[in-house]
Amino acid sequence: MRQRGFTLLELLVALVIFATAGVAIMQASTNHMRALLQLEELTIASYVANNQLQQAQFSRTWPPRELEQGEVEMANRTWRWQMRATTVPDQDLRELTVSVRLEQQPDVVIYQLKTYVGRLDE
């Protein structure tokens, strides 16, 4: 009577195939999680930038200050923002640029947004 089964070589080949597949799945899930975290950071940073530009557009101060900066707490993190006002050829307009960074990485700009504001006639 002859016994049937797998040889040691067949088992090793199967093990290598499953290990390779497991590593590929782990890398894919890690990359997916990293992309989700990056997307979350971009989304929250865009909220911070939009909020600052909305406040600047409703401000009655003319001309806007050349440089403003501050911090805001959102999604359990501290975000640093900086708004720079630049003159343009039209004296009734200013270009506003908001840059947003995480407090833990002050040298890395995560999001930047630009708009124009005009002088409000009263």
PDB file of N, CA and C in Angstrom:
ATOM      1  N   MET A   1       0.842  -1.172   0.000  1.00  0.00           N
ATOM      2  CA  MET A   1       0.000   0.000   0.000  1.00  0.00           C
ATOM      3  C   MET A   1       0.892   1.241   0.000  1.00  0.00           C
ATOM      4  N   ARG A   2       0.634   2.120  -0.938  1.00  0.00           N
ATOM      5  CA  ARG A   2       1.444   3.312  -1.104  1.00  0.00           C
ATOM      6  C   ARG A   2       0.724   4.504  -0.472  1.00  0.00           C
ATOM      7  N   GLN A   3       1.436   5.312   0.337  1.00  0.00           N
ATOM      8  CA  GLN A   3       0.829   6.482   0.973  1.00  0.00           C
ATOM      9  C   GLN A   3       0.936   7.675   0.043  1.00  0.00           C
ATOM     10  N   ARG A   4      -0.093   8.489   0.058  1.00  0.00           N
ATOM     11  CA  ARG A   4      -0.089   9.691  -0.764  1.00  0.00           C
ATOM     12  C   ARG A   4       0.086  10.902   0.137  1.00  0.00           C
ATOM     13  N   GLY A   5       0.747  11.939  -0.397  1.00  0.00           N
ATOM     14  CA  GLY A   5       0.979  13.162   0.367  1.00  0.00           C
ATOM     15  C   GLY A   5       1.868  14.093  -0.434  1.00  0.00           C
ATOM     16  N   PHE A   6       2.237  15.157   0.207  1.00  0.00           N
ATOM     17  CA  PHE A   6       3.081  16.153  -0.441  1.00  0.00           C
ATOM     18  C   PHE A   6       4.536  15.911  -0.070  1.00  0.00           C
ATOM     19  N   THR A   7       5.395  16.206  -0.989  1.00  0.00           N
ATOM     20  CA  THR A   7       6.816  16.117  -0.690  1.00  0.00           C
ATOM     21  C   THR A   7       7.238  17.396   0.031  1.00  0.00           C
ATOM     22  N   LEU A   8       8.381  17.352   0.635  1.00  0.00           N
ATOM     23  CA  LEU A   8       8.904  18.511   1.345  1.00  0.00           C
ATOM     24  C   LEU A   8       9.122  19.681   0.387  1.00  0.00           C
ATOM     25  N   LEU A   9       9.564  19.403  -0.805  1.00  0.00           N
ATOM     26  CA  LEU A   9       9.784  20.449  -1.805  1.00  0.00           C
ATOM     27  C   LEU A   9       8.477  21.138  -2.184  1.00  0.00           C
ATOM     28  N   GLU A  10       7.413  20.364  -2.359  1.00  0.00           N
ATOM     29  CA  GLU A  10       6.109  20.942  -2.695  1.00  0.00           C
ATOM     30  C   GLU A  10       5.605  21.835  -1.557  1.00  0.00           C
ATOM     31  N   LEU A  11       5.800  21.402  -0.332  1.00  0.00           N
ATOM     32  CA  LEU A  11       5.383  22.208   0.819  1.00  0.00           C
ATOM     33  C   LEU A  11       6.174  23.516   0.900  1.00  0.00           C
ATOM     34  N   LEU A  12       7.470  23.445   0.635  1.00  0.00           N
ATOM     35  CA  LEU A  12       8.291  24.654   0.663  1.00  0.00           C
ATOM     36  C   LEU A  12       7.883  25.637  -0.430  1.00  0.00           C
ATOM     37  N   VAL A  13       7.588  25.152  -1.611  1.00  0.00           N
ATOM     38  CA  VAL A  13       7.149  26.014  -2.710  1.00  0.00           C
ATOM     39  C   VAL A  13       5.819  26.680  -2.349  1.00  0.00           C
ATOM     40  N   ALA A  14       4.895  25.921  -1.800  1.00  0.00           N
ATOM     41  CA  ALA A  14       3.601  26.473  -1.394  1.00  0.00           C
ATOM     42  C   ALA A  14       3.787  27.528  -0.304  1.00  0.00           C
ATOM     43  N   LEU A  15       4.672  27.255   0.626  1.00  0.00           N
ATOM     44  CA  LEU A  15       4.948  28.210   1.710  1.00  0.00           C
ATOM     45  C   LEU A  15       5.529  29.513   1.167  1.00  0.00           C
ATOM     46  N   VAL A  16       6.430  29.421   0.211  1.00  0.00           N
ATOM     47  CA  VAL A  16       7.018  30.613  -0.406  1.00  0.00           C
ATOM     48  C   VAL A  16       5.942  31.417  -1.136  1.00  0.00           C
ATOM     49  N   ILE A  17       5.057  30.738  -1.842  1.00  0.00           N
ATOM     50  CA  ILE A  17       3.983  31.433  -2.566  1.00  0.00           C
ATOM     51  C   ILE A  17       3.067  32.159  -1.590  1.00  0.00           C
ATOM     52  N   PHE A  18       2.651  31.503  -0.529  1.00  0.00           N
ATOM     53  CA  PHE A  18       1.761  32.140   0.450  1.00  0.00           C
ATOM     54  C   PHE A  18       2.458  33.275   1.200  1.00  0.00           C
ATOM     55  N   ALA A  19       3.727  33.115   1.496  1.00  0.00           N
ATOM     56  CA  ALA A  19       4.471  34.179   2.175  1.00  0.00           C
ATOM     57  C   ALA A  19       4.594  35.403   1.272  1.00  0.00           C
ATOM     58  N   THR A  20       4.875  35.193  -0.001  1.00  0.00           N
ATOM     59  CA  THR A  20       4.971  36.302  -0.948  1.00  0.00           C
ATOM     60  C   THR A  20       3.631  37.016  -1.077  1.00  0.00           C
ATOM     61  N   ALA A  21       2.562  36.268  -1.163  1.00  0.00           N
ATOM     62  CA  ALA A  21       1.228  36.869  -1.241  1.00  0.00           C
ATOM     63  C   ALA A  21       0.904  37.644   0.030  1.00  0.00           C
ATOM     64  N   GLY A  22       1.271  37.106   1.161  1.00  0.00           N
ATOM     65  CA  GLY A  22       1.028  37.797   2.438  1.00  0.00           C
ATOM     66  C   GLY A  22       1.785  39.110   2.527  1.00  0.00           C
ATOM     67  N   VAL A  23       3.026  39.121   2.098  1.00  0.00           N
ATOM     68  CA  VAL A  23       3.824  40.357   2.114  1.00  0.00           C
ATOM     69  C   VAL A  23       3.213  41.386   1.174  1.00  0.00           C
ATOM     70  N   ALA A  24       2.758  40.945   0.001  1.00  0.00           N
ATOM     71  CA  ALA A  24       2.144  41.870  -0.960  1.00  0.00           C
ATOM     72  C   ALA A  24       0.861  42.469  -0.392  1.00  0.00           C
ATOM     73  N   ILE A  25       0.064  41.680   0.259  1.00  0.00           N
ATOM     74  CA  ILE A  25      -1.171  42.177   0.871  1.00  0.00           C
ATOM     75  C   ILE A  25      -0.864  43.161   1.985  1.00  0.00           C
ATOM     76  N   MET A  26       0.131  42.868   2.793  1.00  0.00           N
ATOM     77  CA  MET A  26       0.512  43.789   3.879  1.00  0.00           C
ATOM     78  C   MET A  26       1.013  45.126   3.315  1.00  0.00           C
ATOM     79  N   GLN A  27       1.809  45.094   2.267  1.00  0.00           N
ATOM     80  CA  GLN A  27       2.292  46.330   1.661  1.00  0.00           C
ATOM     81  C   GLN A  27       1.143  47.135   1.077  1.00  0.00           C
ATOM     82  N   ALA A  28       0.220  46.468   0.417  1.00  0.00           N
ATOM     83  CA  ALA A  28      -0.923  47.165  -0.170  1.00  0.00           C
ATOM     84  C   ALA A  28      -1.778  47.818   0.919  1.00  0.00           C
ATOM     85  N   SER A  29      -2.019  47.118   2.009  1.00  0.00           N
ATOM     86  CA  SER A  29      -2.839  47.694   3.078  1.00  0.00           C
ATOM     87  C   SER A  29      -2.100  48.834   3.781  1.00  0.00           C
ATOM     88  N   THR A  30      -0.801  48.729   3.942  1.00  0.00           N
ATOM     89  CA  THR A  30      -0.015  49.812   4.533  1.00  0.00           C
ATOM     90  C   THR A  30      -0.048  51.051   3.650  1.00  0.00           C
ATOM     91  N   ASN A  31       0.126  50.869   2.345  1.00  0.00           N
ATOM     92  CA  ASN A  31       0.055  52.000   1.422  1.00  0.00           C
ATOM     93  C   ASN A  31      -1.332  52.631   1.420  1.00  0.00           C
ATOM     94  N   HIS A  32      -2.355  51.808   1.515  1.00  0.00           N
ATOM     95  CA  HIS A  32      -3.729  52.313   1.567  1.00  0.00           C
ATOM     96  C   HIS A  32      -3.956  53.147   2.829  1.00  0.00           C
ATOM     97  N   MET A  33      -3.497  52.667   3.956  1.00  0.00           N
ATOM     98  CA  MET A  33      -3.651  53.407   5.215  1.00  0.00           C
ATOM     99  C   MET A  33      -2.877  54.723   5.171  1.00  0.00           C
ATOM    100  N   ARG A  34      -1.680  54.704   4.616  1.00  0.00           N
ATOM    101  CA  ARG A  34      -0.877  55.917   4.487  1.00  0.00           C
ATOM    102  C   ARG A  34      -1.595  56.936   3.601  1.00  0.00           C
ATOM    103  N   ALA A  35      -2.184  56.482   2.509  1.00  0.00           N
ATOM    104  CA  ALA A  35      -2.915  57.375   1.607  1.00  0.00           C
ATOM    105  C   ALA A  35      -4.144  57.960   2.293  1.00  0.00           C
ATOM    106  N   LEU A  36      -4.830  57.157   3.086  1.00  0.00           N
ATOM    107  CA  LEU A  36      -6.002  57.664   3.816  1.00  0.00           C
ATOM    108  C   LEU A  36      -5.606  58.740   4.822  1.00  0.00           C
ATOM    109  N   LEU A  37      -4.512  58.533   5.536  1.00  0.00           N
ATOM    110  CA  LEU A  37      -4.048  59.526   6.504  1.00  0.00           C
ATOM    111  C   LEU A  37      -3.639  60.811   5.802  1.00  0.00           C
ATOM    112  N   GLN A  38      -2.990  60.683   4.661  1.00  0.00           N
ATOM    113  CA  GLN A  38      -2.580  61.861   3.898  1.00  0.00           C
ATOM    114  C   GLN A  38      -3.800  62.619   3.381  1.00  0.00           C
ATOM    115  N   LEU A  39      -4.802  61.898   2.928  1.00  0.00           N
ATOM    116  CA  LEU A  39      -6.035  62.525   2.455  1.00  0.00           C
ATOM    117  C   LEU A  39      -6.755  63.236   3.597  1.00  0.00           C
ATOM    118  N   GLU A  40      -6.746  62.629   4.769  1.00  0.00           N
ATOM    119  CA  GLU A  40      -7.367  63.262   5.938  1.00  0.00           C
ATOM    120  C   GLU A  40      -6.637  64.565   6.290  1.00  0.00           C
ATOM    121  N   GLU A  41      -5.311  64.543   6.274  1.00  0.00           N
ATOM    122  CA  GLU A  41      -4.543  65.757   6.558  1.00  0.00           C
ATOM    123  C   GLU A  41      -4.846  66.857   5.549  1.00  0.00           C
ATOM    124  N   LEU A  42      -4.889  66.501   4.270  1.00  0.00           N
ATOM    125  CA  LEU A  42      -5.185  67.493   3.233  1.00  0.00           C
ATOM    126  C   LEU A  42      -6.582  68.080   3.401  1.00  0.00           C
ATOM    127  N   THR A  43      -7.537  67.248   3.734  1.00  0.00           N
ATOM    128  CA  THR A  43      -8.909  67.718   3.901  1.00  0.00           C
ATOM    129  C   THR A  43      -9.016  68.687   5.064  1.00  0.00           C
ATOM    130  N   ILE A  44      -8.442  68.340   6.199  1.00  0.00           N
ATOM    131  CA  ILE A  44      -8.525  69.211   7.371  1.00  0.00           C
ATOM    132  C   ILE A  44      -7.743  70.499   7.141  1.00  0.00           C
ATOM    133  N   ALA A  45      -6.577  70.396   6.520  1.00  0.00           N
ATOM    134  CA  ALA A  45      -5.796  71.595   6.212  1.00  0.00           C
ATOM    135  C   ALA A  45      -6.561  72.512   5.259  1.00  0.00           C
ATOM    136  N   SER A  46      -7.305  71.935   4.324  1.00  0.00           N
ATOM    137  CA  SER A  46      -8.107  72.771   3.413  1.00  0.00           C
ATOM    138  C   SER A  46      -9.223  73.475   4.174  1.00  0.00           C
ATOM    139  N   TYR A  47      -9.811  72.819   5.198  1.00  0.00           N
ATOM    140  CA  TYR A  47     -10.824  73.471   6.032  1.00  0.00           C
ATOM    141  C   TYR A  47     -10.221  74.671   6.755  1.00  0.00           C
ATOM    142  N   VAL A  48      -9.026  74.485   7.303  1.00  0.00           N
ATOM    143  CA  VAL A  48      -8.357  75.571   8.028  1.00  0.00           C
ATOM    144  C   VAL A  48      -8.091  76.746   7.083  1.00  0.00           C
ATOM    145  N   ALA A  49      -7.560  76.465   5.904  1.00  0.00           N
ATOM    146  CA  ALA A  49      -7.261  77.529   4.941  1.00  0.00           C
ATOM    147  C   ALA A  49      -8.528  78.240   4.485  1.00  0.00           C
ATOM    148  N   ASN A  50      -9.567  77.488   4.169  1.00  0.00           N
ATOM    149  CA  ASN A  50     -10.824  78.095   3.742  1.00  0.00           C
ATOM    150  C   ASN A  50     -11.434  78.967   4.831  1.00  0.00           C
ATOM    151  N   ASN A  51     -11.375  78.510   6.073  1.00  0.00           N
ATOM    152  CA  ASN A  51     -11.909  79.302   7.184  1.00  0.00           C
ATOM    153  C   ASN A  51     -11.174  80.635   7.309  1.00  0.00           C
ATOM    154  N   GLN A  52      -9.862  80.617   7.192  1.00  0.00           N
ATOM    155  CA  GLN A  52      -9.089  81.853   7.319  1.00  0.00           C
ATOM    156  C   GLN A  52      -9.392  82.812   6.168  1.00  0.00           C
ATOM    157  N   LEU A  53      -9.516  82.286   4.963  1.00  0.00           N
ATOM    158  CA  LEU A  53      -9.821  83.152   3.824  1.00  0.00           C
ATOM    159  C   LEU A  53     -11.238  83.717   3.915  1.00  0.00           C
ATOM    160  N   GLN A  54     -12.176  82.940   4.425  1.00  0.00           N
ATOM    161  CA  GLN A  54     -13.538  83.451   4.603  1.00  0.00           C
ATOM    162  C   GLN A  54     -13.554  84.586   5.615  1.00  0.00           C
ATOM    163  N   GLN A  55     -12.831  84.427   6.699  1.00  0.00           N
ATOM    164  CA  GLN A  55     -12.765  85.497   7.695  1.00  0.00           C
ATOM    165  C   GLN A  55     -12.117  86.742   7.108  1.00  0.00           C
ATOM    166  N   ALA A  56     -11.100  86.573   6.296  1.00  0.00           N
ATOM    167  CA  ALA A  56     -10.423  87.719   5.687  1.00  0.00           C
ATOM    168  C   ALA A  56     -11.337  88.431   4.693  1.00  0.00           C
ATOM    169  N   GLN A  57     -12.161  87.688   3.976  1.00  0.00           N
ATOM    170  CA  GLN A  57     -13.051  88.309   3.001  1.00  0.00           C
ATOM    171  C   GLN A  57     -14.149  89.137   3.673  1.00  0.00           C
ATOM    172  N   PHE A  58     -14.533  88.775   4.877  1.00  0.00           N
ATOM    173  CA  PHE A  58     -15.573  89.515   5.577  1.00  0.00           C
ATOM    174  C   PHE A  58     -15.012  90.605   6.485  1.00  0.00           C
ATOM    175  N   SER A  59     -13.706  90.694   6.544  1.00  0.00           N
ATOM    176  CA  SER A  59     -13.072  91.712   7.379  1.00  0.00           C
ATOM    177  C   SER A  59     -13.273  93.089   6.756  1.00  0.00           C
ATOM    178  N   ARG A  60     -13.497  94.089   7.588  1.00  0.00           N
ATOM    179  CA  ARG A  60     -13.703  95.464   7.119  1.00  0.00           C
ATOM    180  C   ARG A  60     -12.383  96.238   7.069  1.00  0.00           C
ATOM    181  N   THR A  61     -11.282  95.606   7.427  1.00  0.00           N
ATOM    182  CA  THR A  61      -9.991  96.274   7.451  1.00  0.00           C
ATOM    183  C   THR A  61      -9.420  96.355   6.043  1.00  0.00           C
ATOM    184  N   TRP A  62      -9.045  97.580   5.632  1.00  0.00           N
ATOM    185  CA  TRP A  62      -8.408  97.742   4.313  1.00  0.00           C
ATOM    186  C   TRP A  62      -7.210  98.638   4.440  1.00  0.00           C
ATOM    187  N   PRO A  63      -6.108  98.324   3.885  1.00  0.00           N
ATOM    188  CA  PRO A  63      -5.793  97.054   3.221  1.00  0.00           C
ATOM    189  C   PRO A  63      -5.555  95.971   4.258  1.00  0.00           C
ATOM    190  N   PRO A  64      -5.649  94.707   3.860  1.00  0.00           N
ATOM    191  CA  PRO A  64      -5.375  93.619   4.820  1.00  0.00           C
ATOM    192  C   PRO A  64      -3.924  93.674   5.284  1.00  0.00           C
ATOM    193  N   ARG A  65      -3.695  93.187   6.471  1.00  0.00           N
ATOM    194  CA  ARG A  65      -2.315  93.154   6.976  1.00  0.00           C
ATOM    195  C   ARG A  65      -1.460  92.292   6.058  1.00  0.00           C
ATOM    196  N   GLU A  66      -0.209  92.690   5.896  1.00  0.00           N
ATOM    197  CA  GLU A  66       0.680  91.966   4.968  1.00  0.00           C
ATOM    198  C   GLU A  66       0.929  90.528   5.402  1.00  0.00           C
ATOM    199  N   LEU A  67       1.022  90.309   6.714  1.00  0.00           N
ATOM    200  CA  LEU A  67       1.291  88.958   7.211  1.00  0.00           C
ATOM    201  C   LEU A  67       0.516  88.737   8.499  1.00  0.00           C
ATOM    202  N   GLU A  68      -0.258  87.679   8.506  1.00  0.00           N
ATOM    203  CA  GLU A  68      -0.955  87.243   9.714  1.00  0.00           C
ATOM    204  C   GLU A  68      -0.667  85.769   9.896  1.00  0.00           C
ATOM    205  N   GLN A  69      -0.627  85.356  11.146  1.00  0.00           N
ATOM    206  CA  GLN A  69      -0.439  83.935  11.416  1.00  0.00           C
ATOM    207  C   GLN A  69      -1.112  83.577  12.716  1.00  0.00           C
ATOM    208  N   GLY A  70      -1.383  82.309  12.872  1.00  0.00           N
ATOM    209  CA  GLY A  70      -2.032  81.853  14.088  1.00  0.00           C
ATOM    210  C   GLY A  70      -2.097  80.342  14.127  1.00  0.00           C
ATOM    211  N   GLU A  71      -2.763  79.867  15.159  1.00  0.00           N
ATOM    212  CA  GLU A  71      -2.950  78.429  15.349  1.00  0.00           C
ATOM    213  C   GLU A  71      -4.417  78.157  15.560  1.00  0.00           C
ATOM    214  N   VAL A  72      -4.845  76.986  15.138  1.00  0.00           N
ATOM    215  CA  VAL A  72      -6.224  76.566  15.355  1.00  0.00           C
ATOM    216  C   VAL A  72      -6.219  75.076  15.686  1.00  0.00           C
ATOM    217  N   GLU A  73      -7.114  74.685  16.555  1.00  0.00           N
ATOM    218  CA  GLU A  73      -7.258  73.286  16.953  1.00  0.00           C
ATOM    219  C   GLU A  73      -8.389  72.680  16.128  1.00  0.00           C
ATOM    220  N   MET A  74      -8.084  71.616  15.401  1.00  0.00           N
ATOM    221  CA  MET A  74      -9.108  70.935  14.611  1.00  0.00           C
ATOM    222  C   MET A  74      -8.737  69.468  14.490  1.00  0.00           C
ATOM    223  N   ALA A  75      -9.718  68.606  14.709  1.00  0.00           N
ATOM    224  CA  ALA A  75      -9.531  67.149  14.620  1.00  0.00           C
ATOM    225  C   ALA A  75      -8.413  66.671  15.549  1.00  0.00           C
ATOM    226  N   ASN A  76      -8.411  67.185  16.746  1.00  0.00           N
ATOM    227  CA  ASN A  76      -7.447  66.795  17.781  1.00  0.00           C
ATOM    228  C   ASN A  76      -5.999  67.062  17.408  1.00  0.00           C
ATOM    229  N   ARG A  77      -5.784  68.038  16.540  1.00  0.00           N
ATOM    230  CA  ARG A  77      -4.429  68.446  16.173  1.00  0.00           C
ATOM    231  C   ARG A  77      -4.365  69.960  16.137  1.00  0.00           C
ATOM    232  N   THR A  78      -3.154  70.468  16.317  1.00  0.00           N
ATOM    233  CA  THR A  78      -2.938  71.904  16.233  1.00  0.00           C
ATOM    234  C   THR A  78      -2.353  72.228  14.873  1.00  0.00           C
ATOM    235  N   TRP A  79      -3.020  73.145  14.174  1.00  0.00           N
ATOM    236  CA  TRP A  79      -2.628  73.547  12.824  1.00  0.00           C
ATOM    237  C   TRP A  79      -2.130  74.978  12.865  1.00  0.00           C
ATOM    238  N   ARG A  80      -1.019  75.229  12.210  1.00  0.00           N
ATOM    239  CA  ARG A  80      -0.491  76.588  12.094  1.00  0.00           C
ATOM    240  C   ARG A  80      -0.834  77.125  10.706  1.00  0.00           C
ATOM    241  N   TRP A  81      -1.350  78.322  10.669  1.00  0.00           N
ATOM    242  CA  TRP A  81      -1.666  78.937   9.385  1.00  0.00           C
ATOM    243  C   TRP A  81      -0.938  80.269   9.269  1.00  0.00           C
ATOM    244  N   GLN A  82      -0.665  80.640   8.044  1.00  0.00           N
ATOM    245  CA  GLN A  82      -0.008  81.916   7.763  1.00  0.00           C
ATOM    246  C   GLN A  82      -0.667  82.498   6.518  1.00  0.00           C
ATOM    247  N   MET A  83      -1.128  83.755   6.648  1.00  0.00           N
ATOM    248  CA  MET A  83      -1.777  84.421   5.525  1.00  0.00           C
ATOM    249  C   MET A  83      -0.938  85.629   5.117  1.00  0.00           C
ATOM    250  N   ARG A  84      -0.607  85.659   3.837  1.00  0.00           N
ATOM    251  CA  ARG A  84       0.217  86.726   3.286  1.00  0.00           C
ATOM    252  C   ARG A  84      -0.626  87.504   2.271  1.00  0.00           C
ATOM    253  N   ALA A  85      -0.658  88.829   2.443  1.00  0.00           N
ATOM    254  CA  ALA A  85      -1.358  89.705   1.508  1.00  0.00           C
ATOM    255  C   ALA A  85      -0.336  90.341   0.576  1.00  0.00           C
ATOM    256  N   THR A  86      -0.620  90.279  -0.714  1.00  0.00           N
ATOM    257  CA  THR A  86       0.287  90.810  -1.727  1.00  0.00           C
ATOM    258  C   THR A  86      -0.458  91.830  -2.575  1.00  0.00           C
ATOM    259  N   THR A  87       0.214  92.924  -2.891  1.00  0.00           N
ATOM    260  CA  THR A  87      -0.411  93.927  -3.751  1.00  0.00           C
ATOM    261  C   THR A  87      -0.422  93.447  -5.196  1.00  0.00           C
ATOM    262  N   VAL A  88      -1.421  93.890  -5.913  1.00  0.00           N
ATOM    263  CA  VAL A  88      -1.565  93.592  -7.339  1.00  0.00           C
ATOM    264  C   VAL A  88      -1.724  94.928  -8.067  1.00  0.00           C
ATOM    265  N   PRO A  89      -1.660  94.949  -9.388  1.00  0.00           N
ATOM    266  CA  PRO A  89      -1.755  96.225 -10.099  1.00  0.00           C
ATOM    267  C   PRO A  89      -3.017  97.045  -9.777  1.00  0.00           C
ATOM    268  N   ASP A  90      -4.130  96.391  -9.519  1.00  0.00           N
ATOM    269  CA  ASP A  90      -5.362  97.096  -9.145  1.00  0.00           C
ATOM    270  C   ASP A  90      -5.297  97.438  -7.654  1.00  0.00           C
ATOM    271  N   GLN A  91      -5.337  98.725  -7.324  1.00  0.00           N
ATOM    272  CA  GLN A  91      -5.193  99.151  -5.927  1.00  0.00           C
ATOM    273  C   GLN A  91      -6.378  98.748  -5.047  1.00  0.00           C
ATOM    274  N   ASP A  92      -7.489  98.358  -5.640  1.00  0.00           N
ATOM    275  CA  ASP A  92      -8.656  97.932  -4.874  1.00  0.00           C
ATOM    276  C   ASP A  92      -8.696  96.423  -4.655  1.00  0.00           C
ATOM    277  N   LEU A  93      -7.646  95.724  -5.041  1.00  0.00           N
ATOM    278  CA  LEU A  93      -7.561  94.271  -4.853  1.00  0.00           C
ATOM    279  C   LEU A  93      -6.284  93.906  -4.115  1.00  0.00           C
ATOM    280  N   ARG A  94      -6.345  92.792  -3.403  1.00  0.00           N
ATOM    281  CA  ARG A  94      -5.171  92.192  -2.782  1.00  0.00           C
ATOM    282  C   ARG A  94      -5.242  90.688  -2.988  1.00  0.00           C
ATOM    283  N   GLU A  95      -4.074  90.089  -3.205  1.00  0.00           N
ATOM    284  CA  GLU A  95      -3.970  88.641  -3.319  1.00  0.00           C
ATOM    285  C   GLU A  95      -3.668  88.093  -1.931  1.00  0.00           C
ATOM    286  N   LEU A  96      -4.483  87.153  -1.470  1.00  0.00           N
ATOM    287  CA  LEU A  96      -4.261  86.516  -0.171  1.00  0.00           C
ATOM    288  C   LEU A  96      -3.870  85.064  -0.383  1.00  0.00           C
ATOM    289  N   THR A  97      -2.788  84.661   0.264  1.00  0.00           N
ATOM    290  CA  THR A  97      -2.310  83.278   0.193  1.00  0.00           C
ATOM    291  C   THR A  97      -2.216  82.730   1.608  1.00  0.00           C
ATOM    292  N   VAL A  98      -2.900  81.623   1.846  1.00  0.00           N
ATOM    293  CA  VAL A  98      -2.872  80.970   3.159  1.00  0.00           C
ATOM    294  C   VAL A  98      -2.102  79.668   3.038  1.00  0.00           C
ATOM    295  N   SER A  99      -1.130  79.483   3.916  1.00  0.00           N
ATOM    296  CA  SER A  99      -0.364  78.235   4.003  1.00  0.00           C
ATOM    297  C   SER A  99      -0.693  77.572   5.334  1.00  0.00           C
ATOM    298  N   VAL A 100      -0.881  76.262   5.312  1.00  0.00           N
ATOM    299  CA  VAL A 100      -1.252  75.518   6.524  1.00  0.00           C
ATOM    300  C   VAL A 100      -0.217  74.427   6.765  1.00  0.00           C
ATOM    301  N   ARG A 101       0.188  74.317   8.044  1.00  0.00           N
ATOM    302  CA  ARG A 101       1.167  73.313   8.466  1.00  0.00           C
ATOM    303  C   ARG A 101       0.667  72.647   9.744  1.00  0.00           C
ATOM    304  N   LEU A 102       1.172  71.474  10.004  1.00  0.00           N
ATOM    305  CA  LEU A 102       0.939  70.840  11.296  1.00  0.00           C
ATOM    306  C   LEU A 102       1.939  71.388  12.306  1.00  0.00           C
ATOM    307  N   GLU A 103       1.518  71.476  13.548  1.00  0.00           N
ATOM    308  CA  GLU A 103       2.419  71.991  14.586  1.00  0.00           C
ATOM    309  C   GLU A 103       3.655  71.108  14.724  1.00  0.00           C
ATOM    310  N   GLN A 104       3.505  69.793  14.530  1.00  0.00           N
ATOM    311  CA  GLN A 104       4.627  68.868  14.678  1.00  0.00           C
ATOM    312  C   GLN A 104       5.619  68.978  13.523  1.00  0.00           C
ATOM    313  N   GLN A 105       5.181  69.511  12.384  1.00  0.00           N
ATOM    314  CA  GLN A 105       6.049  69.638  11.211  1.00  0.00           C
ATOM    315  C   GLN A 105       5.970  71.075  10.686  1.00  0.00           C
ATOM    316  N   PRO A 106       6.554  72.023  11.391  1.00  0.00           N
ATOM    317  CA  PRO A 106       6.389  73.431  10.994  1.00  0.00           C
ATOM    318  C   PRO A 106       7.072  73.798   9.675  1.00  0.00           C
ATOM    319  N   ASP A 107       7.958  72.973   9.170  1.00  0.00           N
ATOM    320  CA  ASP A 107       8.654  73.290   7.921  1.00  0.00           C
ATOM    321  C   ASP A 107       7.943  72.745   6.686  1.00  0.00           C
ATOM    322  N   VAL A 108       6.923  71.916   6.878  1.00  0.00           N
ATOM    323  CA  VAL A 108       6.244  71.257   5.761  1.00  0.00           C
ATOM    324  C   VAL A 108       4.867  71.898   5.537  1.00  0.00           C
ATOM    325  N   VAL A 109       4.698  72.536   4.384  1.00  0.00           N
ATOM    326  CA  VAL A 109       3.396  73.105   4.029  1.00  0.00           C
ATOM    327  C   VAL A 109       2.519  71.975   3.505  1.00  0.00           C
ATOM    328  N   ILE A 110       1.404  71.735   4.183  1.00  0.00           N
ATOM    329  CA  ILE A 110       0.503  70.662   3.778  1.00  0.00           C
ATOM    330  C   ILE A 110      -0.486  71.141   2.730  1.00  0.00           C
ATOM    331  N   TYR A 111      -0.924  72.395   2.872  1.00  0.00           N
ATOM    332  CA  TYR A 111      -1.940  72.908   1.964  1.00  0.00           C
ATOM    333  C   TYR A 111      -1.738  74.402   1.790  1.00  0.00           C
ATOM    334  N   GLN A 112      -1.972  74.886   0.581  1.00  0.00           N
ATOM    335  CA  GLN A 112      -1.856  76.309   0.299  1.00  0.00           C
ATOM    336  C   GLN A 112      -3.026  76.718  -0.584  1.00  0.00           C
ATOM    337  N   LEU A 113      -3.637  77.854  -0.243  1.00  0.00           N
ATOM    338  CA  LEU A 113      -4.807  78.324  -0.967  1.00  0.00           C
ATOM    339  C   LEU A 113      -4.665  79.813  -1.231  1.00  0.00           C
ATOM    340  N   LYS A 114      -5.110  80.239  -2.409  1.00  0.00           N
ATOM    341  CA  LYS A 114      -4.960  81.630  -2.812  1.00  0.00           C
ATOM    342  C   LYS A 114      -6.299  82.180  -3.279  1.00  0.00           C
ATOM    343  N   THR A 115      -6.571  83.442  -2.948  1.00  0.00           N
ATOM    344  CA  THR A 115      -7.762  84.120  -3.423  1.00  0.00           C
ATOM    345  C   THR A 115      -7.479  85.607  -3.521  1.00  0.00           C
ATOM    346  N   TYR A 116      -8.461  86.347  -3.988  1.00  0.00           N
ATOM    347  CA  TYR A 116      -8.345  87.792  -4.090  1.00  0.00           C
ATOM    348  C   TYR A 116      -9.482  88.427  -3.315  1.00  0.00           C
ATOM    349  N   VAL A 117      -9.189  89.509  -2.621  1.00  0.00           N
ATOM    350  CA  VAL A 117     -10.211  90.270  -1.916  1.00  0.00           C
ATOM    351  C   VAL A 117     -10.182  91.696  -2.427  1.00  0.00           C
ATOM    352  N   GLY A 118     -11.361  92.296  -2.417  1.00  0.00           N
ATOM    353  CA  GLY A 118     -11.468  93.674  -2.890  1.00  0.00           C
ATOM    354  C   GLY A 118     -11.906  94.603  -1.785  1.00  0.00           C
ATOM    355  N   ARG A 119     -11.681  95.879  -2.011  1.00  0.00           N
ATOM    356  CA  ARG A 119     -12.092  96.908  -1.067  1.00  0.00           C
ATOM    357  C   ARG A 119     -13.621  96.966  -1.066  1.00  0.00           C
ATOM    358  N   LEU A 120     -14.198  96.984   0.124  1.00  0.00           N
ATOM    359  CA  LEU A 120     -15.644  97.089   0.255  1.00  0.00           C
ATOM    360  C   LEU A 120     -16.024  98.556   0.314  1.00  0.00           C
ATOM    361  N   ASP A 121     -16.911  98.994  -0.570  1.00  0.00           N
ATOM    362  CA  ASP A 121     -17.404 100.366  -0.519  1.00  0.00           C
ATOM    363  C   ASP A 121     -18.553 100.429   0.478  1.00  0.00           C
ATOM    364  N   GLU A 122     -18.504 101.439   1.309  1.00  0.00           N
ATOM    365  CA  GLU A 122     -19.557 101.564   2.323  1.00  0.00           C
ATOM    366  C   GLU A 122     -20.404 102.753   2.064  1.00  0.00           C
TER     367      GLU A 122
END
